[in-house]
Amino acid sequence: MLTPPAAAHALLFASGEPLEKKQLAKLLEVKDAELKLVLKALTDSLKGSGIMIVETATEVELRTVPEASDIVKKLHESELSRDLGKASLETLATIAYGTGTTRGEIDWVRGVNSSASLRTLLMRGLIEGKEDEHDKRRIRYSLTTEALAHLGVANVEALPRAEELRVAAAEILKEEVTALP
C-alpha cells in the first residue's frame, strides 16, 4: 500500500495539472492539517529529483525545478520544430470542420486515441479547449486565431467546402444515432 506522500505524488503526476487541495485531501482521505504534512513529506522526498511541488493557497501541482529549465526548453523546442504529422493534421481538420469538437468525437472520427495530437496542437497554440457548457467533464476544442491566420482564412466558414462537409457530417451522425438500439 502506498504511503500518503507516495499516493499524493501519483495523483499529482496523473492529473498533469493543478489539483485543488480540498480534492487532493478528499482523495487521500486526510484532513486539511494532515495534507500539509503529506505535502511537506513529498516536497522533502522530491529534493534533487528535478521535480518540485508548487502550491498556491488552494491548489498544488508537480512542476520541474527551475534548474531544469534549459533542458526542458530543448525538449519543447524540438517538439515544436517538427512538422505536424498526419495524426495531428487529421485532428486539426476534425476540429476545424467541427463546431466545438470533444476528444471523444475526434477519436470517433479518426478511429484512434488523439491525446498526443491534441497535446501537440495545444502546445503550438493552434487549438484551444474550453469547458463544455452542458457537461463540465468534457472539453470542447476549437481553432485559435493563430491557426486561422496560418491557414489564411478569416473564420472557419471560409475553409474550403466547409458547409458541404458540415452537412455531410451531420447526416452521418444522424444515421449513427438512429441506428443505435
C-alpha atoms as a PDB file:
ATOM      1  CA  MET A   1       0.000   0.000   0.000  1.00  0.00           C
ATOM      2  CA  LEU A   2       1.217   3.490  -0.841  1.00  0.00           C
ATOM      3  CA  THR A   3       2.175   5.972   1.817  1.00  0.00           C
ATOM      4  CA  PRO A   4       0.145   9.217   1.718  1.00  0.00           C
ATOM      5  CA  PRO A   5       3.079  11.181   0.189  1.00  0.00           C
ATOM      6  CA  ALA A   6       3.547   8.488  -2.493  1.00  0.00           C
ATOM      7  CA  ALA A   7      -0.193   8.475  -3.197  1.00  0.00           C
ATOM      8  CA  ALA A   8      -0.181  12.289  -3.463  1.00  0.00           C
ATOM      9  CA  HIS A   9       2.770  12.070  -5.868  1.00  0.00           C
ATOM     10  CA  ALA A  10       0.875   9.563  -8.035  1.00  0.00           C
ATOM     11  CA  LEU A  11      -2.278  11.700  -8.066  1.00  0.00           C
ATOM     12  CA  LEU A  12      -0.409  14.907  -8.941  1.00  0.00           C
ATOM     13  CA  PHE A  13       1.543  13.146 -11.662  1.00  0.00           C
ATOM     14  CA  ALA A  14      -1.553  11.521 -13.152  1.00  0.00           C
ATOM     15  CA  SER A  15      -3.566  14.755 -13.150  1.00  0.00           C
ATOM     16  CA  GLY A  16      -0.963  16.653 -15.180  1.00  0.00           C
ATOM     17  CA  GLU A  17      -2.427  19.920 -13.923  1.00  0.00           C
ATOM     18  CA  PRO A  18      -3.046  21.672 -10.612  1.00  0.00           C
ATOM     19  CA  LEU A  19      -5.298  19.862  -8.161  1.00  0.00           C
ATOM     20  CA  GLU A  20      -7.359  21.670  -5.594  1.00  0.00           C
ATOM     21  CA  LYS A  21      -6.071  20.953  -2.120  1.00  0.00           C
ATOM     22  CA  LYS A  22      -9.575  20.062  -0.961  1.00  0.00           C
ATOM     23  CA  GLN A  23      -9.885  17.485  -3.742  1.00  0.00           C
ATOM     24  CA  LEU A  24      -6.443  16.048  -3.002  1.00  0.00           C
ATOM     25  CA  ALA A  25      -7.251  15.758   0.716  1.00  0.00           C
ATOM     26  CA  LYS A  26     -10.522  14.027  -0.122  1.00  0.00           C
ATOM     27  CA  LEU A  27      -8.821  11.573  -2.499  1.00  0.00           C
ATOM     28  CA  LEU A  28      -6.156  10.801   0.101  1.00  0.00           C
ATOM     29  CA  GLU A  29      -8.800  10.623   2.827  1.00  0.00           C
ATOM     30  CA  VAL A  30      -6.896  13.046   5.068  1.00  0.00           C
ATOM     31  CA  LYS A  31      -7.813  16.275   6.843  1.00  0.00           C
ATOM     32  CA  ASP A  32      -6.514  19.663   5.704  1.00  0.00           C
ATOM     33  CA  ALA A  33      -3.946  19.778   8.521  1.00  0.00           C
ATOM     34  CA  GLU A  34      -2.685  16.304   7.587  1.00  0.00           C
ATOM     35  CA  LEU A  35      -2.441  17.328   3.928  1.00  0.00           C
ATOM     36  CA  LYS A  36       0.138  19.955   4.894  1.00  0.00           C
ATOM     37  CA  LEU A  37       2.273  17.215   6.436  1.00  0.00           C
ATOM     38  CA  VAL A  38       1.805  14.957   3.405  1.00  0.00           C
ATOM     39  CA  LEU A  39       2.867  17.749   1.038  1.00  0.00           C
ATOM     40  CA  LYS A  40       5.862  18.596   3.248  1.00  0.00           C
ATOM     41  CA  ALA A  41       6.978  14.937   3.207  1.00  0.00           C
ATOM     42  CA  LEU A  42       6.511  14.783  -0.567  1.00  0.00           C
ATOM     43  CA  THR A  43       8.442  18.025  -1.040  1.00  0.00           C
ATOM     44  CA  ASP A  44      11.315  16.616   1.034  1.00  0.00           C
ATOM     45  CA  SER A  45      11.342  13.342  -0.915  1.00  0.00           C
ATOM     46  CA  LEU A  46      11.488  15.189  -4.251  1.00  0.00           C
ATOM     47  CA  LYS A  47      14.628  17.184  -3.380  1.00  0.00           C
ATOM     48  CA  GLY A  48      17.289  16.576  -6.013  1.00  0.00           C
ATOM     49  CA  SER A  49      14.860  14.796  -8.359  1.00  0.00           C
ATOM     50  CA  GLY A  50      14.217  17.548 -10.907  1.00  0.00           C
ATOM     51  CA  ILE A  51      10.583  17.772  -9.799  1.00  0.00           C
ATOM     52  CA  MET A  52       9.096  20.049  -7.180  1.00  0.00           C
ATOM     53  CA  ILE A  53       5.743  20.875  -5.613  1.00  0.00           C
ATOM     54  CA  VAL A  54       4.231  24.259  -6.446  1.00  0.00           C
ATOM     55  CA  GLU A  55       1.468  25.420  -4.113  1.00  0.00           C
ATOM     56  CA  THR A  56      -0.996  28.264  -4.060  1.00  0.00           C
ATOM     57  CA  ALA A  57      -3.457  28.881  -1.261  1.00  0.00           C
ATOM     58  CA  THR A  58      -5.948  26.491  -2.874  1.00  0.00           C
ATOM     59  CA  GLU A  59      -4.040  24.340  -5.396  1.00  0.00           C
ATOM     60  CA  VAL A  60      -0.971  22.140  -5.673  1.00  0.00           C
ATOM     61  CA  GLU A  61       0.907  20.918  -8.760  1.00  0.00           C
ATOM     62  CA  LEU A  62       4.020  18.957  -9.757  1.00  0.00           C
ATOM     63  CA  ARG A  63       6.453  21.016 -11.848  1.00  0.00           C
ATOM     64  CA  THR A  64      10.030  20.782 -12.996  1.00  0.00           C
ATOM     65  CA  VAL A  65      12.622  22.616 -10.915  1.00  0.00           C
ATOM     66  CA  PRO A  66      13.934  25.936 -12.261  1.00  0.00           C
ATOM     67  CA  GLU A  67      17.385  24.368 -12.765  1.00  0.00           C
ATOM     68  CA  ALA A  68      15.856  22.061 -15.389  1.00  0.00           C
ATOM     69  CA  SER A  69      14.514  24.932 -17.497  1.00  0.00           C
ATOM     70  CA  ASP A  70      17.260  24.770 -20.146  1.00  0.00           C
ATOM     71  CA  ILE A  71      16.836  21.060 -20.821  1.00  0.00           C
ATOM     72  CA  VAL A  72      13.024  21.270 -20.734  1.00  0.00           C
ATOM     73  CA  LYS A  73      13.206  24.188 -23.153  1.00  0.00           C
ATOM     74  CA  LYS A  74      15.251  21.999 -25.542  1.00  0.00           C
ATOM     75  CA  LEU A  75      12.563  19.312 -25.345  1.00  0.00           C
ATOM     76  CA  HIS A  76       9.792  21.745 -26.225  1.00  0.00           C
ATOM     77  CA  GLU A  77      11.823  23.378 -28.981  1.00  0.00           C
ATOM     78  CA  SER A  78      12.473  20.000 -30.598  1.00  0.00           C
ATOM     79  CA  GLU A  79       8.772  19.135 -30.398  1.00  0.00           C
ATOM     80  CA  LEU A  80       7.777  22.480 -31.893  1.00  0.00           C
ATOM     81  CA  SER A  81      10.395  22.432 -34.643  1.00  0.00           C
ATOM     82  CA  ARG A  82       8.995  19.279 -36.246  1.00  0.00           C
ATOM     83  CA  ASP A  83       6.295  19.456 -38.896  1.00  0.00           C
ATOM     84  CA  LEU A  84       2.835  18.383 -37.861  1.00  0.00           C
ATOM     85  CA  GLY A  85       2.398  14.685 -38.558  1.00  0.00           C
ATOM     86  CA  LYS A  86      -0.523  13.036 -40.289  1.00  0.00           C
ATOM     87  CA  ALA A  87      -2.298  12.349 -36.977  1.00  0.00           C
ATOM     88  CA  SER A  88      -2.056  15.984 -35.883  1.00  0.00           C
ATOM     89  CA  LEU A  89      -3.252  17.216 -39.267  1.00  0.00           C
ATOM     90  CA  GLU A  90      -6.234  14.845 -39.135  1.00  0.00           C
ATOM     91  CA  THR A  91      -7.034  16.071 -35.635  1.00  0.00           C
ATOM     92  CA  LEU A  92      -6.688  19.710 -36.703  1.00  0.00           C
ATOM     93  CA  ALA A  93      -9.008  19.126 -39.679  1.00  0.00           C
ATOM     94  CA  THR A  94     -11.582  17.394 -37.474  1.00  0.00           C
ATOM     95  CA  ILE A  95     -11.560  20.361 -35.097  1.00  0.00           C
ATOM     96  CA  ALA A  96     -11.553  22.906 -37.932  1.00  0.00           C
ATOM     97  CA  TYR A  97     -14.606  21.435 -39.608  1.00  0.00           C
ATOM     98  CA  GLY A  98     -16.411  20.634 -36.379  1.00  0.00           C
ATOM     99  CA  THR A  99     -18.079  23.216 -34.224  1.00  0.00           C
ATOM    100  CA  GLY A 100     -16.595  22.798 -30.785  1.00  0.00           C
ATOM    101  CA  THR A 101     -15.333  19.239 -31.004  1.00  0.00           C
ATOM    102  CA  THR A 102     -14.688  16.987 -27.982  1.00  0.00           C
ATOM    103  CA  ARG A 103     -11.843  14.483 -27.734  1.00  0.00           C
ATOM    104  CA  GLY A 104     -14.358  11.644 -27.869  1.00  0.00           C
ATOM    105  CA  GLU A 105     -15.756  12.972 -31.143  1.00  0.00           C
ATOM    106  CA  ILE A 106     -12.261  13.375 -32.577  1.00  0.00           C
ATOM    107  CA  ASP A 107     -11.359   9.818 -31.522  1.00  0.00           C
ATOM    108  CA  TRP A 108     -14.590   8.541 -33.102  1.00  0.00           C
ATOM    109  CA  VAL A 109     -13.894  10.270 -36.418  1.00  0.00           C
ATOM    110  CA  ARG A 110     -10.246   9.178 -36.527  1.00  0.00           C
ATOM    111  CA  GLY A 111     -10.822   5.721 -35.034  1.00  0.00           C
ATOM    112  CA  VAL A 112      -7.835   6.079 -32.679  1.00  0.00           C
ATOM    113  CA  ASN A 113      -6.836   7.896 -29.492  1.00  0.00           C
ATOM    114  CA  SER A 114      -5.994  11.521 -30.283  1.00  0.00           C
ATOM    115  CA  SER A 115      -4.479  12.628 -26.971  1.00  0.00           C
ATOM    116  CA  ALA A 116      -0.943  13.089 -28.314  1.00  0.00           C
ATOM    117  CA  SER A 117      -2.182  15.048 -31.326  1.00  0.00           C
ATOM    118  CA  LEU A 118      -4.307  17.295 -29.137  1.00  0.00           C
ATOM    119  CA  ARG A 119      -1.312  17.948 -26.873  1.00  0.00           C
ATOM    120  CA  THR A 120       0.843  18.890 -29.887  1.00  0.00           C
ATOM    121  CA  LEU A 121      -1.804  21.251 -31.275  1.00  0.00           C
ATOM    122  CA  LEU A 122      -2.388  22.845 -27.864  1.00  0.00           C
ATOM    123  CA  MET A 123       1.367  23.359 -27.334  1.00  0.00           C
ATOM    124  CA  ARG A 124       1.642  25.064 -30.685  1.00  0.00           C
ATOM    125  CA  GLY A 125      -1.291  27.333 -29.950  1.00  0.00           C
ATOM    126  CA  LEU A 126      -3.315  26.086 -32.921  1.00  0.00           C
ATOM    127  CA  ILE A 127      -6.304  24.959 -30.848  1.00  0.00           C
ATOM    128  CA  GLU A 128      -7.834  25.919 -27.535  1.00  0.00           C
ATOM    129  CA  GLY A 129     -10.017  23.985 -25.167  1.00  0.00           C
ATOM    130  CA  LYS A 130     -12.996  25.300 -23.255  1.00  0.00           C
ATOM    131  CA  GLU A 131     -15.272  23.580 -20.780  1.00  0.00           C
ATOM    132  CA  ASP A 132     -18.425  22.129 -22.331  1.00  0.00           C
ATOM    133  CA  GLU A 133     -21.440  24.150 -21.190  1.00  0.00           C
ATOM    134  CA  HIS A 134     -23.654  21.063 -20.970  1.00  0.00           C
ATOM    135  CA  ASP A 135     -21.164  18.588 -19.496  1.00  0.00           C
ATOM    136  CA  LYS A 136     -18.457  20.122 -17.307  1.00  0.00           C
ATOM    137  CA  ARG A 137     -16.380  16.923 -17.559  1.00  0.00           C
ATOM    138  CA  ARG A 138     -15.684  17.465 -21.260  1.00  0.00           C
ATOM    139  CA  ILE A 139     -13.539  19.963 -23.115  1.00  0.00           C
ATOM    140  CA  ARG A 140     -14.577  21.336 -26.490  1.00  0.00           C
ATOM    141  CA  TYR A 141     -11.725  22.214 -28.843  1.00  0.00           C
ATOM    142  CA  SER A 142     -11.738  24.915 -31.488  1.00  0.00           C
ATOM    143  CA  LEU A 143      -9.215  26.644 -33.739  1.00  0.00           C
ATOM    144  CA  THR A 144      -7.354  29.672 -32.417  1.00  0.00           C
ATOM    145  CA  THR A 145      -6.952  32.887 -34.349  1.00  0.00           C
ATOM    146  CA  GLU A 146      -3.307  31.814 -34.807  1.00  0.00           C
ATOM    147  CA  ALA A 147      -4.464  28.681 -36.667  1.00  0.00           C
ATOM    148  CA  LEU A 148      -6.935  30.631 -38.796  1.00  0.00           C
ATOM    149  CA  ALA A 149      -4.237  33.163 -39.708  1.00  0.00           C
ATOM    150  CA  HIS A 150      -1.827  30.339 -40.562  1.00  0.00           C
ATOM    151  CA  LEU A 151      -4.476  28.766 -42.803  1.00  0.00           C
ATOM    152  CA  GLY A 152      -5.129  32.151 -44.421  1.00  0.00           C
ATOM    153  CA  VAL A 153      -8.831  32.346 -43.568  1.00  0.00           C
ATOM    154  CA  ALA A 154     -10.781  34.884 -41.542  1.00  0.00           C
ATOM    155  CA  ASN A 155     -13.097  32.331 -39.913  1.00  0.00           C
ATOM    156  CA  VAL A 156     -13.977  28.634 -40.056  1.00  0.00           C
ATOM    157  CA  GLU A 157     -16.791  29.291 -42.545  1.00  0.00           C
ATOM    158  CA  ALA A 158     -14.132  30.379 -45.047  1.00  0.00           C
ATOM    159  CA  LEU A 159     -12.475  26.953 -45.011  1.00  0.00           C
ATOM    160  CA  PRO A 160     -12.750  25.054 -48.312  1.00  0.00           C
ATOM    161  CA  ARG A 161     -16.004  23.100 -48.641  1.00  0.00           C
ATOM    162  CA  ALA A 162     -16.914  23.964 -45.032  1.00  0.00           C
ATOM    163  CA  GLU A 163     -20.695  23.948 -45.434  1.00  0.00           C
ATOM    164  CA  GLU A 164     -20.710  20.853 -47.649  1.00  0.00           C
ATOM    165  CA  LEU A 165     -18.634  18.867 -45.132  1.00  0.00           C
ATOM    166  CA  ARG A 166     -20.723  20.047 -42.158  1.00  0.00           C
ATOM    167  CA  VAL A 167     -23.937  18.899 -43.853  1.00  0.00           C
ATOM    168  CA  ALA A 168     -22.398  15.518 -44.756  1.00  0.00           C
ATOM    169  CA  ALA A 169     -21.103  15.052 -41.190  1.00  0.00           C
ATOM    170  CA  ALA A 170     -24.497  15.936 -39.714  1.00  0.00           C
ATOM    171  CA  GLU A 171     -26.183  13.338 -41.957  1.00  0.00           C
ATOM    172  CA  ILE A 172     -23.698  10.639 -40.909  1.00  0.00           C
ATOM    173  CA  LEU A 173     -24.216  11.461 -37.237  1.00  0.00           C
ATOM    174  CA  LYS A 174     -27.987  11.355 -37.697  1.00  0.00           C
ATOM    175  CA  GLU A 175     -27.708   7.909 -39.303  1.00  0.00           C
ATOM    176  CA  GLU A 176     -25.467   6.689 -36.462  1.00  0.00           C
ATOM    177  CA  VAL A 177     -27.895   7.918 -33.798  1.00  0.00           C
ATOM    178  CA  THR A 178     -30.928   6.323 -35.486  1.00  0.00           C
ATOM    179  CA  ALA A 179     -29.019   3.043 -35.906  1.00  0.00           C
ATOM    180  CA  LEU A 180     -28.433   2.780 -32.157  1.00  0.00           C
ATOM    181  CA  PRO A 181     -30.661   0.252 -30.372  1.00  0.00           C
END
